[in-house]
C-alpha atoms as a PDB file:
ATOM      1  CA  MET A   1      99.400 -82.718-103.504  1.00  0.00           C
ATOM      2  CA  GLU A   2      96.546 -84.027-105.624  1.00  0.00           C
ATOM      3  CA  VAL A   3      97.540 -84.621-109.242  1.00  0.00           C
ATOM      4  CA  PRO A   4      96.167 -83.387-111.551  1.00  0.00           C
ATOM      5  CA  THR A   5      95.504 -80.119-109.743  1.00  0.00           C
ATOM      6  CA  TYR A   6      92.711 -78.830-112.000  1.00  0.00           C
ATOM      7  CA  LYS A   7      90.090 -81.352-110.920  1.00  0.00           C
ATOM      8  CA  ASP A   8      87.089 -79.939-109.058  1.00  0.00           C
ATOM      9  CA  LYS A   9      88.077 -76.364-109.984  1.00  0.00           C
ATOM     10  CA  THR A  10      85.987 -73.852-111.913  1.00  0.00           C
ATOM     11  CA  PHE A  11      87.650 -71.854-114.679  1.00  0.00           C
ATOM     12  CA  ILE A  12      86.375 -68.837-116.604  1.00  0.00           C
ATOM     13  CA  VAL A  13      86.689 -68.297-120.351  1.00  0.00           C
ATOM     14  CA  SER A  14      88.456 -64.972-120.935  1.00  0.00           C
ATOM     15  CA  ASN A  15      88.883 -64.802-124.720  1.00  0.00           C
ATOM     16  CA  ASN A  16      86.267 -63.293-127.017  1.00  0.00           C
ATOM     17  CA  ASP A  17      87.127 -65.885-129.679  1.00  0.00           C
ATOM     18  CA  THR A  18      87.389 -69.154-127.764  1.00  0.00           C
ATOM     19  CA  ARG A  19      87.208 -71.649-130.596  1.00  0.00           C
ATOM     20  CA  LEU A  20      86.767 -75.364-130.090  1.00  0.00           C
ATOM     21  CA  ARG A  21      89.200 -77.714-131.806  1.00  0.00           C
ATOM     22  CA  ARG A  22      88.779 -81.052-133.507  1.00  0.00           C
ATOM     23  CA  ALA A  23      89.789 -83.900-131.236  1.00  0.00           C
ATOM     24  CA  ASP A  24      91.547 -85.689-134.115  1.00  0.00           C
ATOM     25  CA  ASP A  25      93.378 -82.556-135.290  1.00  0.00           C
ATOM     26  CA  LEU A  26      93.810 -79.788-132.730  1.00  0.00           C
ATOM     27  CA  SER A  27      95.086 -77.395-135.403  1.00  0.00           C
ATOM     28  CA  LYS A  28      91.610 -77.285-136.970  1.00  0.00           C
ATOM     29  CA  ALA A  29      88.423 -75.722-135.655  1.00  0.00           C
ATOM     30  CA  GLU A  30      85.352 -77.783-134.757  1.00  0.00           C
ATOM     31  CA  VAL A  31      82.164 -76.797-136.620  1.00  0.00           C
ATOM     32  CA  TYR A  32      78.485 -77.440-136.124  1.00  0.00           C
ATOM     33  CA  LYS A  33      77.150 -80.458-137.967  1.00  0.00           C
ATOM     34  CA  ASP A  34      73.705 -81.786-138.737  1.00  0.00           C
ATOM     35  CA  GLY A  35      72.213 -83.171-135.542  1.00  0.00           C
ATOM     36  CA  ASP A  36      74.147 -80.907-133.159  1.00  0.00           C
ATOM     37  CA  ASP A  37      72.426 -78.644-130.653  1.00  0.00           C
ATOM     38  CA  ILE A  38      73.050 -75.270-132.282  1.00  0.00           C
ATOM     39  CA  PRO A  39      72.851 -71.988-130.324  1.00  0.00           C
ATOM     40  CA  ASP A  40      70.688 -69.169-131.607  1.00  0.00           C
ATOM     41  CA  GLY A  41      72.492 -67.138-134.248  1.00  0.00           C
ATOM     42  CA  ASN A  42      74.581 -70.079-135.494  1.00  0.00           C
ATOM     43  CA  THR A  43      74.096 -72.505-138.392  1.00  0.00           C
ATOM     44  CA  ILE A  44      75.620 -75.748-139.668  1.00  0.00           C
ATOM     45  CA  GLY A  45      79.214 -75.098-140.724  1.00  0.00           C
ATOM     46  CA  ASP A  46      79.852 -72.315-138.204  1.00  0.00           C
ATOM     47  CA  ILE A  47      82.817 -72.656-135.864  1.00  0.00           C
ATOM     48  CA  LYS A  48      81.914 -73.769-132.359  1.00  0.00           C
ATOM     49  CA  ARG A  49      82.809 -71.207-129.727  1.00  0.00           C
ATOM     50  CA  ILE A  50      82.421 -70.892-125.970  1.00  0.00           C
ATOM     51  CA  PRO A  51      81.245 -67.386-125.022  1.00  0.00           C
ATOM     52  CA  LYS A  52      83.469 -65.154-122.929  1.00  0.00           C
ATOM     53  CA  ARG A  53      82.869 -65.329-119.146  1.00  0.00           C
ATOM     54  CA  THR A  54      81.437 -68.861-119.371  1.00  0.00           C
ATOM     55  CA  GLU A  55      82.319 -70.959-116.318  1.00  0.00           C
ATOM     56  CA  VAL A  56      83.756 -74.356-117.242  1.00  0.00           C
ATOM     57  CA  LYS A  57      85.147 -77.539-115.736  1.00  0.00           C
ATOM     58  CA  ILE A  58      88.270 -79.071-117.278  1.00  0.00           C
ATOM     59  CA  THR A  59      88.094 -82.831-117.739  1.00  0.00           C
ATOM     60  CA  GLY A  60      91.069 -83.506-120.013  1.00  0.00           C
ATOM     61  CA  VAL A  61      94.379 -82.050-121.201  1.00  0.00           C
ATOM     62  CA  LYS A  62      96.422 -82.570-124.369  1.00  0.00           C
ATOM     63  CA  THR A  63      99.504 -80.988-125.897  1.00  0.00           C
ATOM     64  CA  ASP A  64     100.687 -80.714-129.493  1.00  0.00           C
ATOM     65  CA  SER A  65     104.211 -80.978-130.894  1.00  0.00           C
ATOM     66  CA  GLU A  66     104.831 -77.320-130.034  1.00  0.00           C
ATOM     67  CA  ARG A  67     103.925 -77.951-126.358  1.00  0.00           C
ATOM     68  CA  THR A  68     100.746 -75.867-126.683  1.00  0.00           C
ATOM     69  CA  VAL A  69      98.254 -76.985-124.028  1.00  0.00           C
ATOM     70  CA  TYR A  70      94.657 -77.773-124.967  1.00  0.00           C
ATOM     71  CA  VAL A  71      91.911 -78.484-122.446  1.00  0.00           C
ATOM     72  CA  PHE A  72      88.560 -80.205-122.721  1.00  0.00           C
ATOM     73  CA  ALA A  73      86.157 -77.589-121.388  1.00  0.00           C
ATOM     74  CA  GLU A  74      82.683 -78.528-120.171  1.00  0.00           C
ATOM     75  CA  PRO A  75      80.473 -75.464-119.560  1.00  0.00           C
ATOM     76  CA  ILE A  76      78.681 -75.165-116.242  1.00  0.00           C
ATOM     77  CA  ILE A  77      75.227 -74.180-117.445  1.00  0.00           C
ATOM     78  CA  ASN A  78      72.535 -72.953-115.062  1.00  0.00           C
ATOM     79  CA  ASN A  79      69.908 -72.194-117.716  1.00  0.00           C
ATOM     80  CA  GLU A  80      68.699 -73.479-121.070  1.00  0.00           C
ATOM     81  CA  THR A  81      71.394 -71.683-123.083  1.00  0.00           C
ATOM     82  CA  VAL A  82      73.114 -73.966-125.615  1.00  0.00           C
ATOM     83  CA  ILE A  83      76.890 -73.809-125.140  1.00  0.00           C
ATOM     84  CA  PRO A  84      79.139 -76.409-126.793  1.00  0.00           C
ATOM     85  CA  GLN A  85      81.859 -78.371-125.013  1.00  0.00           C
ATOM     86  CA  GLY A  86      85.167 -79.535-126.410  1.00  0.00           C
ATOM     87  CA  TRP A  87      88.880 -78.928-126.827  1.00  0.00           C
ATOM     88  CA  THR A  88      90.263 -75.400-126.770  1.00  0.00           C
ATOM     89  CA  LYS A  89      93.547 -73.690-125.996  1.00  0.00           C
ATOM     90  CA  ALA A  90      94.342 -73.360-122.297  1.00  0.00           C
ATOM     91  CA  SER A  91      95.392 -69.783-122.982  1.00  0.00           C
ATOM     92  CA  ASN A  92      91.697 -68.964-123.588  1.00  0.00           C
ATOM     93  CA  LEU A  93      91.030 -69.374-119.869  1.00  0.00           C
ATOM     94  CA  GLU A  94      91.421 -66.692-117.224  1.00  0.00           C
ATOM     95  CA  GLY A  95      94.940 -67.112-115.881  1.00  0.00           C
ATOM     96  CA  GLN A  96      95.816 -69.200-118.962  1.00  0.00           C
ATOM     97  CA  PHE A  97      95.676 -72.396-116.840  1.00  0.00           C
ATOM     98  CA  MET A  98      99.105 -71.355-115.564  1.00  0.00           C
ATOM     99  CA  ASN A  99     100.718 -73.440-112.798  1.00  0.00           C
ATOM    100  CA  GLU A 100      98.228 -76.305-113.084  1.00  0.00           C
ATOM    101  CA  ILE A 101      99.978 -79.660-112.699  1.00  0.00           C
ATOM    102  CA  ILE A 102      98.792 -82.139-115.302  1.00  0.00           C
ATOM    103  CA  GLY A 103     100.553 -85.333-114.313  1.00  0.00           C
ATOM    104  CA  PHE A 104     103.757 -87.186-113.568  1.00  0.00           C
ATOM    105  CA  VAL A 105     106.524 -88.354-115.887  1.00  0.00           C
ATOM    106  CA  PRO A 106     106.667 -91.334-116.293  1.00  0.00           C
ATOM    107  CA  SER A 107     102.932 -91.615-116.856  1.00  0.00           C
ATOM    108  CA  LYS A 108     102.344 -95.263-115.899  1.00  0.00           C
ATOM    109  CA  TRP A 109     102.339 -96.258-112.252  1.00  0.00           C
ATOM    110  CA  GLU A 110     101.341 -99.033-109.940  1.00  0.00           C
ATOM    111  CA  LEU A 111     100.951 -96.207-107.413  1.00  0.00           C
ATOM    112  CA  VAL A 112     101.695 -92.536-108.103  1.00  0.00           C
ATOM    113  CA  PRO A 113     103.888 -90.606-105.647  1.00  0.00           C
ATOM    114  CA  THR A 114     101.941 -89.770-102.498  1.00  0.00           C
ATOM    115  CA  GLY A 115     104.788 -88.840-100.164  1.00  0.00           C
ATOM    116  CA  ASN A 116     105.524 -92.139 -98.440  1.00  0.00           C
ATOM    117  CA  ASN A 117     105.543 -94.743-101.240  1.00  0.00           C
ATOM    118  CA  PHE A 118     108.740 -95.448-103.143  1.00  0.00           C
ATOM    119  CA  THR A 119     110.589 -97.834-105.443  1.00  0.00           C
ATOM    120  CA  VAL A 120     114.110 -99.073-104.726  1.00  0.00           C
ATOM    121  CA  THR A 121     116.219 -97.922-107.685  1.00  0.00           C
ATOM    122  CA  ASP A 122     119.786 -98.387-106.415  1.00  0.00           C
ATOM    123  CA  ASP A 123     121.369-101.818-106.829  1.00  0.00           C
ATOM    124  CA  GLN A 124     123.423-101.135-103.693  1.00  0.00           C
ATOM    125  CA  ALA A 125     120.499-100.324-101.410  1.00  0.00           C
ATOM    126  CA  LEU A 126     121.999-101.572 -98.166  1.00  0.00           C
ATOM    127  CA  ILE A 127     119.751-102.587 -95.286  1.00  0.00           C
ATOM    128  CA  ARG A 128     120.983-100.896 -92.126  1.00  0.00           C
ATOM    129  CA  GLU A 129     120.492-101.088 -88.399  1.00  0.00           C
ATOM    130  CA  GLY A 130     118.925 -98.155 -86.613  1.00  0.00           C
ATOM    131  CA  ALA A 131     120.309 -95.116 -84.813  1.00  0.00           C
ATOM    132  CA  PRO A 132     122.778 -93.917 -83.865  1.00  0.00           C
ATOM    133  CA  ASN A 133     125.187 -95.472 -86.385  1.00  0.00           C
ATOM    134  CA  PHE A 134     122.913 -97.013 -89.029  1.00  0.00           C
ATOM    135  CA  LYS A 135     125.447 -99.786 -89.478  1.00  0.00           C
ATOM    136  CA  SER A 136     125.122-101.946 -92.596  1.00  0.00           C
ATOM    137  CA  THR A 137     123.780-105.478 -92.140  1.00  0.00           C
ATOM    138  CA  GLY A 138     125.512-106.570 -95.328  1.00  0.00           C
ATOM    139  CA  LYS A 139     122.179-107.282 -97.010  1.00  0.00           C
ATOM    140  CA  THR A 140     120.537-105.263 -99.784  1.00  0.00           C
ATOM    141  CA  ILE A 141     116.986-104.526-100.946  1.00  0.00           C
ATOM    142  CA  PRO A 142     116.393-105.800-104.504  1.00  0.00           C
ATOM    143  CA  VAL A 143     115.977-103.159-107.195  1.00  0.00           C
ATOM    144  CA  GLY A 144     112.321-102.710-108.099  1.00  0.00           C
ATOM    145  CA  THR A 145     111.021-103.426-104.586  1.00  0.00           C
ATOM    146  CA  TYR A 146     108.059-101.230-103.641  1.00  0.00           C
ATOM    147  CA  VAL A 147     108.331 -99.844-100.122  1.00  0.00           C
ATOM    148  CA  LEU A 148     106.570 -97.578 -97.656  1.00  0.00           C
ATOM    149  CA  VAL A 149     108.587 -95.220 -95.483  1.00  0.00           C
ATOM    150  CA  THR A 150     107.474 -95.556 -91.880  1.00  0.00           C
ATOM    151  CA  GLU A 151     110.129 -93.473 -90.112  1.00  0.00           C
ATOM    152  CA  LYS A 152     112.905 -91.001 -90.881  1.00  0.00           C
ATOM    153  CA  SER A 153     116.162 -90.424 -89.038  1.00  0.00           C
ATOM    154  CA  GLU A 154     116.096 -87.315 -86.855  1.00  0.00           C
ATOM    155  CA  ASP A 155     119.638 -86.289 -87.729  1.00  0.00           C
ATOM    156  CA  ASN A 156     121.120 -85.711 -91.180  1.00  0.00           C
ATOM    157  CA  ALA A 157     117.809 -84.276 -92.441  1.00  0.00           C
ATOM    158  CA  GLY A 158     116.242 -87.690 -92.892  1.00  0.00           C
ATOM    159  CA  LYS A 159     119.281 -89.205 -94.584  1.00  0.00           C
ATOM    160  CA  TYR A 160     118.095 -92.661 -93.520  1.00  0.00           C
ATOM    161  CA  VAL A 161     114.562 -94.025 -93.648  1.00  0.00           C
ATOM    162  CA  LYS A 162     112.901 -97.091 -92.183  1.00  0.00           C
ATOM    163  CA  VAL A 163     110.899 -99.045 -94.756  1.00  0.00           C
ATOM    164  CA  CYS A 164     108.532-101.964 -95.083  1.00  0.00           C
ATOM    165  CA  GLU A 165     107.231-103.755 -98.147  1.00  0.00           C
ATOM    166  CA  ALA A 166     104.416-101.946 -99.954  1.00  0.00           C
ATOM    167  CA  GLN A 167     101.557-104.237-100.870  1.00  0.00           C
ATOM    168  CA  ILE A 168      99.415-102.801-103.679  1.00  0.00           C
ATOM    169  CA  ALA A 169      96.008-104.112-104.653  1.00  0.00           C
ATOM    170  CA  ASN A 170      93.309-102.324-106.684  1.00  0.00           C
ATOM    171  CA  GLY A 171      95.163 -99.040-106.448  1.00  0.00           C
ATOM    172  CA  GLU A 172      95.352 -99.220-102.663  1.00  0.00           C
ATOM    173  CA  VAL A 173      98.553 -99.671-100.659  1.00  0.00           C
ATOM    174  CA  SER A 174      99.108-101.349 -97.309  1.00  0.00           C
ATOM    175  CA  ALA A 175     102.146-102.013 -95.134  1.00  0.00           C
ATOM    176  CA  GLY A 176     103.744-105.426 -95.504  1.00  0.00           C
ATOM    177  CA  GLN A 177     106.766-107.044 -93.893  1.00  0.00           C
ATOM    178  CA  GLU A 178     109.263-104.698 -92.255  1.00  0.00           C
ATOM    179  CA  ILE A 179     112.602-104.452 -94.088  1.00  0.00           C
ATOM    180  CA  GLY A 180     114.712-102.063 -91.990  1.00  0.00           C
ATOM    181  CA  TRP A 181     116.636 -98.850 -92.465  1.00  0.00           C
ATOM    182  CA  THR A 182     118.243 -97.716 -95.719  1.00  0.00           C
ATOM    183  CA  ALA A 183     119.572 -94.510 -97.259  1.00  0.00           C
ATOM    184  CA  ALA A 184     116.842 -92.263 -98.638  1.00  0.00           C
ATOM    185  CA  VAL A 185     118.826 -91.756-101.856  1.00  0.00           C
ATOM    186  CA  ASN A 186     118.249 -95.420-102.703  1.00  0.00           C
ATOM    187  CA  LEU A 187     114.564 -94.695-103.300  1.00  0.00           C
ATOM    188  CA  THR A 188     112.585 -92.968-106.029  1.00  0.00           C
ATOM    189  CA  ASP A 189     109.140 -91.435-105.441  1.00  0.00           C
ATOM    190  CA  GLY A 190     106.186 -93.599-106.407  1.00  0.00           C
ATOM    191  CA  CYS A 191     105.830 -97.251-107.385  1.00  0.00           C
ATOM    192  CA  SER A 192     106.534 -97.931-111.049  1.00  0.00           C
ATOM    193  CA  LYS A 193     107.982-100.783-113.089  1.00  0.00           C
ATOM    194  CA  HIS A 194     109.307 -98.100-115.432  1.00  0.00           C
ATOM    195  CA  PHE A 195     112.143 -97.402-112.987  1.00  0.00           C
ATOM    196  CA  THR A 196     113.806-100.717-113.846  1.00  0.00           C
ATOM    197  CA  THR A 197     113.672-100.253-117.640  1.00  0.00           C
ATOM    198  CA  MET A 198     116.373 -99.024-119.989  1.00  0.00           C
ATOM    199  CA  HIS A 199     114.334 -95.860-120.581  1.00  0.00           C
ATOM    200  CA  TRP A 200     114.835 -94.850-116.956  1.00  0.00           C
ATOM    201  CA  THR A 201     118.570 -95.564-116.903  1.00  0.00           C
ATOM    202  CA  ASN A 202     119.244 -93.978-120.318  1.00  0.00           C
ATOM    203  CA  GLN A 203     121.741 -91.183-119.621  1.00  0.00           C
ATOM    204  CA  GLN A 204     120.118 -89.021-122.300  1.00  0.00           C
ATOM    205  CA  GLY A 205     116.558 -90.160-121.634  1.00  0.00           C
ATOM    206  CA  ALA A 206     113.456 -88.156-120.772  1.00  0.00           C
ATOM    207  CA  ASN A 207     114.165 -88.173-117.007  1.00  0.00           C
ATOM    208  CA  ALA A 208     117.966 -88.115-117.090  1.00  0.00           C
ATOM    209  CA  CYS A 209     119.576 -85.415-114.920  1.00  0.00           C
ATOM    210  CA  TRP A 210     122.976 -83.818-115.431  1.00  0.00           C
ATOM    211  CA  ARG A 211     125.083 -81.521-113.302  1.00  0.00           C
ATOM    212  CA  GLY A 212     128.434 -79.990-114.230  1.00  0.00           C
ATOM    213  CA  GLY A 213     128.800 -82.218-117.276  1.00  0.00           C
ATOM    214  CA  LYS A 214     128.127 -85.441-115.375  1.00  0.00           C
ATOM    215  CA  TYR A 215     125.079 -87.710-115.378  1.00  0.00           C
ATOM    216  CA  ILE A 216     123.633 -87.830-111.849  1.00  0.00           C
ATOM    217  CA  GLY A 217     120.705 -90.211-112.329  1.00  0.00           C
ATOM    218  CA  ALA A 218     117.034 -89.853-113.167  1.00  0.00           C
ATOM    219  CA  LYS A 219     114.259 -87.964-111.373  1.00  0.00           C
ATOM    220  CA  VAL A 220     110.477 -88.020-111.412  1.00  0.00           C
ATOM    221  CA  LEU A 221     109.139 -85.005-113.327  1.00  0.00           C
ATOM    222  CA  VAL A 222     105.787 -83.267-113.349  1.00  0.00           C
ATOM    223  CA  ASN A 223     104.099 -81.634-116.319  1.00  0.00           C
ATOM    224  CA  ILE A 224     103.083 -78.107-115.350  1.00  0.00           C
ATOM    225  CA  VAL A 225     101.484 -75.383-117.468  1.00  0.00           C
ATOM    226  CA  GLY A 226     103.813 -72.466-117.949  1.00  0.00           C
ATOM    227  CA  VAL A 227     103.461 -68.951-119.309  1.00  0.00           C
ATOM    228  CA  GLY A 228     101.279 -68.562-122.401  1.00  0.00           C
ATOM    229  CA  GLY A 229      99.624 -71.962-122.055  1.00  0.00           C
ATOM    230  CA  GLU A 230     102.728 -73.991-122.884  1.00  0.00           C
ATOM    231  CA  MET A 231     103.634 -77.250-121.172  1.00  0.00           C
ATOM    232  CA  GLU A 232     106.767 -77.168-119.023  1.00  0.00           C
ATOM    233  CA  GLN A 233     108.372 -79.705-116.722  1.00  0.00           C
ATOM    234  CA  ILE A 234     109.920 -79.425-113.272  1.00  0.00           C
ATOM    235  CA  THR A 235     111.288 -82.091-110.963  1.00  0.00           C
ATOM    236  CA  LEU A 236     108.911 -83.480-108.358  1.00  0.00           C
ATOM    237  CA  GLU A 237     111.226 -82.348-105.566  1.00  0.00           C
ATOM    238  CA  SER A 238     111.134 -78.747-106.820  1.00  0.00           C
ATOM    239  CA  VAL A 239     107.330 -78.441-106.893  1.00  0.00           C
ATOM    240  CA  GLU A 240     106.986 -77.526-103.216  1.00  0.00           C
ATOM    241  CA  PRO A 241     109.640 -74.755-103.161  1.00  0.00           C
ATOM    242  CA  TYR A 242     108.358 -73.314-106.442  1.00  0.00           C
ATOM    243  CA  PHE A 243     104.769 -73.273-105.197  1.00  0.00           C
ATOM    244  CA  ARG A 244     105.874 -71.512-102.004  1.00  0.00           C
ATOM    245  CA  LEU A 245     107.434 -68.815-104.189  1.00  0.00           C
ATOM    246  CA  ARG A 246     104.355 -68.644-106.432  1.00  0.00           C
ATOM    247  CA  ASP A 247     101.950 -68.409-103.486  1.00  0.00           C
ATOM    248  CA  ALA A 248     103.965 -65.676-101.798  1.00  0.00           C
ATOM    249  CA  ALA A 249     103.938 -63.652-105.029  1.00  0.00           C
ATOM    250  CA  ALA A 250     100.194 -64.208-105.419  1.00  0.00           C
ATOM    251  CA  LYS A 251      99.611 -62.534-102.035  1.00  0.00           C
ATOM    252  CA  LYS A 252     100.949 -59.380-103.696  1.00  0.00           C
ATOM    253  CA  ASN A 253      98.716 -59.909-106.756  1.00  0.00           C
ATOM    254  CA  LEU A 254     101.620 -61.077-108.891  1.00  0.00           C
ATOM    255  CA  ASN A 255     101.124 -64.021-111.253  1.00  0.00           C
ATOM    256  CA  LEU A 256     104.430 -65.851-111.185  1.00  0.00           C
ATOM    257  CA  GLY A 257     104.905 -68.393-113.977  1.00  0.00           C
ATOM    258  CA  ILE A 258     107.531 -70.582-115.618  1.00  0.00           C
ATOM    259  CA  GLU A 259     109.019 -69.769-119.013  1.00  0.00           C
ATOM    260  CA  SER A 260     111.424 -72.721-118.912  1.00  0.00           C
ATOM    261  CA  GLY A 261     111.966 -75.387-116.270  1.00  0.00           C
ATOM    262  CA  PHE A 262     113.571 -78.814-116.563  1.00  0.00           C
ATOM    263  CA  ARG A 263     115.286 -79.511-119.877  1.00  0.00           C
ATOM    264  CA  THR A 264     116.144 -82.881-121.349  1.00  0.00           C
ATOM    265  CA  TYR A 265     119.620 -83.492-122.754  1.00  0.00           C
ATOM    266  CA  GLN A 266     118.201 -83.193-126.285  1.00  0.00           C
ATOM    267  CA  HIS A 267     116.360 -79.956-125.488  1.00  0.00           C
ATOM    268  CA  GLN A 268     119.500 -78.380-124.066  1.00  0.00           C
ATOM    269  CA  ASP A 269     121.487 -79.538-127.099  1.00  0.00           C
ATOM    270  CA  ARG A 270     118.984 -77.877-129.452  1.00  0.00           C
ATOM    271  CA  LEU A 271     119.264 -74.601-127.552  1.00  0.00           C
ATOM    272  CA  TYR A 272     123.066 -74.850-127.574  1.00  0.00           C
ATOM    273  CA  GLN A 273     123.160 -75.442-131.333  1.00  0.00           C
ATOM    274  CA  LEU A 274     120.903 -72.428-131.906  1.00  0.00           C
ATOM    275  CA  PHE A 275     123.256 -70.356-129.765  1.00  0.00           C
ATOM    276  CA  LEU A 276     126.326 -71.551-131.698  1.00  0.00           C
ATOM    277  CA  ASN A 277     124.614 -70.669-134.966  1.00  0.00           C
ATOM    278  CA  LYS A 278     123.674 -67.227-133.611  1.00  0.00           C
ATOM    279  CA  LYS A 279     119.976 -68.030-133.859  1.00  0.00           C
ATOM    280  CA  GLY A 280     119.176 -68.200-130.152  1.00  0.00           C
ATOM    281  CA  ASN A 281     120.015 -66.884-126.713  1.00  0.00           C
ATOM    282  CA  LYS A 282     123.126 -67.865-124.797  1.00  0.00           C
ATOM    283  CA  ALA A 283     122.882 -71.511-123.733  1.00  0.00           C
ATOM    284  CA  ALA A 284     125.164 -73.878-121.831  1.00  0.00           C
ATOM    285  CA  LYS A 285     126.535 -77.063-123.364  1.00  0.00           C
ATOM    286  CA  PRO A 286     124.233 -80.063-122.978  1.00  0.00           C
ATOM    287  CA  GLY A 287     124.974 -81.754-119.670  1.00  0.00           C
ATOM    288  CA  SER A 288     126.178 -78.584-117.967  1.00  0.00           C
ATOM    289  CA  SER A 289     122.997 -76.503-117.620  1.00  0.00           C
ATOM    290  CA  ASN A 290     121.378 -76.215-114.208  1.00  0.00           C
ATOM    291  CA  HIS A 291     118.063 -76.581-116.031  1.00  0.00           C
ATOM    292  CA  GLN A 292     118.970 -80.262-116.449  1.00  0.00           C
ATOM    293  CA  HIS A 293     118.537 -81.338-112.832  1.00  0.00           C
ATOM    294  CA  GLY A 294     115.682 -79.228-111.504  1.00  0.00           C
ATOM    295  CA  GLN A 295     117.559 -76.349-109.893  1.00  0.00           C
ATOM    296  CA  ALA A 296     117.017 -73.597-112.476  1.00  0.00           C
ATOM    297  CA  PHE A 297     113.821 -71.765-113.403  1.00  0.00           C
ATOM    298  CA  ASP A 298     113.296 -69.130-116.068  1.00  0.00           C
ATOM    299  CA  LEU A 299     110.494 -67.000-114.624  1.00  0.00           C
ATOM    300  CA  ASN A 300     108.183 -64.474-116.270  1.00  0.00           C
ATOM    301  CA  THR A 301     110.039 -61.290-115.469  1.00  0.00           C
ATOM    302  CA  ARG A 302     109.905 -58.849-118.368  1.00  0.00           C
ATOM    303  CA  ASP A 303     112.713 -56.488-117.397  1.00  0.00           C
ATOM    304  CA  TYR A 304     115.059 -55.475-114.615  1.00  0.00           C
ATOM    305  CA  ASP A 305     114.306 -52.751-112.043  1.00  0.00           C
ATOM    306  CA  GLY A 306     110.806 -51.413-112.505  1.00  0.00           C
ATOM    307  CA  ASP A 307     109.272 -54.725-113.519  1.00  0.00           C
ATOM    308  CA  PRO A 308     106.866 -55.690-110.683  1.00  0.00           C
ATOM    309  CA  ILE A 309     107.764 -59.388-110.610  1.00  0.00           C
ATOM    310  CA  TYR A 310     111.503 -58.730-110.833  1.00  0.00           C
ATOM    311  CA  ASP A 311     111.360 -56.108-108.067  1.00  0.00           C
ATOM    312  CA  TRP A 312     109.422 -58.537-105.861  1.00  0.00           C
ATOM    313  CA  LEU A 313     111.858 -61.395-106.525  1.00  0.00           C
ATOM    314  CA  LYS A 314     114.828 -59.225-105.608  1.00  0.00           C
ATOM    315  CA  LYS A 315     113.356 -58.547-102.184  1.00  0.00           C
ATOM    316  CA  ASN A 316     111.678 -61.844-101.430  1.00  0.00           C
ATOM    317  CA  ALA A 317     113.056 -64.756-103.474  1.00  0.00           C
ATOM    318  CA  PRO A 318     116.202 -65.302-101.318  1.00  0.00           C
ATOM    319  CA  LYS A 319     114.052 -65.659 -98.189  1.00  0.00           C
ATOM    320  CA  LEU A 320     112.261 -68.488-100.016  1.00  0.00           C
ATOM    321  CA  GLY A 321     115.420 -70.205-101.268  1.00  0.00           C
ATOM    322  CA  PHE A 322     115.793 -68.680-104.758  1.00  0.00           C
ATOM    323  CA  ILE A 323     118.566 -66.471-106.133  1.00  0.00           C
ATOM    324  CA  ARG A 324     119.459 -64.956-109.494  1.00  0.00           C
ATOM    325  CA  THR A 325     122.542 -66.626-110.967  1.00  0.00           C
ATOM    326  CA  VAL A 326     123.179 -65.570-114.588  1.00  0.00           C
ATOM    327  CA  ASN A 327     124.500 -62.143-115.545  1.00  0.00           C
ATOM    328  CA  GLY A 328     122.348 -60.525-118.226  1.00  0.00           C
ATOM    329  CA  GLU A 329     119.325 -62.776-117.586  1.00  0.00           C
ATOM    330  CA  HIS A 330     116.778 -61.190-115.256  1.00  0.00           C
ATOM    331  CA  TRP A 331     114.538 -64.234-115.744  1.00  0.00           C
ATOM    332  CA  HIS A 332     116.978 -66.954-114.568  1.00  0.00           C
ATOM    333  CA  TRP A 333     116.542 -67.935-110.896  1.00  0.00           C
ATOM    334  CA  GLU A 334     117.748 -71.044-109.079  1.00  0.00           C
ATOM    335  CA  TYR A 335     116.659 -72.860-105.957  1.00  0.00           C
ATOM    336  CA  ARG A 336     119.712 -72.826-103.668  1.00  0.00           C
ATOM    337  CA  PRO A 337     118.303 -72.632-100.140  1.00  0.00           C
ATOM    338  CA  ALA A 338     121.581 -72.601 -98.187  1.00  0.00           C
ATOM    339  CA  GLU A 339     123.210 -69.954-100.355  1.00  0.00           C
ATOM    340  CA  ALA A 340     119.969 -67.973-100.554  1.00  0.00           C
ATOM    341  CA  ALA A 341     119.723 -67.815 -96.755  1.00  0.00           C
ATOM    342  CA  GLU A 342     123.198 -66.283 -96.558  1.00  0.00           C
ATOM    343  CA  LEU A 343     122.396 -63.725 -99.245  1.00  0.00           C
ATOM    344  CA  ALA A 344     119.068 -62.861 -97.609  1.00  0.00           C
ATOM    345  CA  GLU A 345     120.854 -61.974 -94.361  1.00  0.00           C
ATOM    346  CA  LYS A 346     122.995 -59.488 -96.297  1.00  0.00           C
ATOM    347  CA  GLY A 347     120.063 -58.114 -98.279  1.00  0.00           C
ATOM    348  CA  GLU A 348     121.465 -59.539-101.512  1.00  0.00           C
ATOM    349  CA  PHE A 349     119.810 -61.679-104.182  1.00  0.00           C
ATOM    350  CA  LYS A 350     122.328 -62.743-106.836  1.00  0.00           C
ATOM    351  CA  ASN A 351     125.475 -64.767-107.433  1.00  0.00           C
ATOM    352  CA  PHE A 352     126.491 -65.012-111.054  1.00  0.00           C
ATOM    353  CA  ASP A 353     127.812 -68.554-111.390  1.00  0.00           C
ATOM    354  CA  GLY A 354     124.738 -70.334-112.771  1.00  0.00           C
ATOM    355  CA  LYS A 355     124.237 -71.815-116.249  1.00  0.00           C
END
């Protein structure tokens, strides 16, 4: 997966009033100034707009405090027409920029996740012998070591991996000295010094995951554009199953999107307080929501039976690992592949025990 996903794509402006925004204050419109190339029919002081149906490339993304996504749009011009470039809301684009991945969280890396590069993040990362027993050698891999996975165990779904040192220079990685086998859970995707900081180990930090009221560690997140041009987050490990679901829906001309994905401890606490004060929807206590470890997705269903996306999910989501888990919430679906497979065999799609 190339991140960000919007590079080298062409997008189409779909709004009749696609205003450009000031780079220093996205809440304010950009206007034509003396010295600008000004299209016919416009004068100094007029708001800059990109005409509807203009094809554009996106070369930058920003969000504001409300998680509204703005994109830097550069028109693809095949004639002498003057069309301005600049920041505008992602929702002004056809498809609202939905499901585009913007980047990883954390944002600073020695090497971003590419599928085989990792950082050792467990202080008990035992070095093991090979199959069949993967017996411990009594030695450990130091926390913060960058490694490449060169082999995975055939049994236990890749529970153990063989690693070597990852040597990084000028953004390129090469295989160094072989280390041996270790448990896959000792590793975190990508190579980043951030993994050894207090921010990463903070139990209520930006990447902290909780399940059933217990802290279960931190996970790499991705920023992904959700419904209405708002920034959402999902765990890196959930991107592939979600995209399989999205792509299958797209084959039926359904635009599946995320209303709410991963939630930080603080975000869940805010929702819970709103619920307690009767100002928001039902919400689980912070630490106990399945939105806090990457399993739960609120999707863009608008109703129960009769809604095209909901009807499609009922029939197809279990075959792709997703089930509905909260009574009274048609939008709440969770990735539970083992349980979903059992329900799919019975032609069922829900089990109301989620949060």
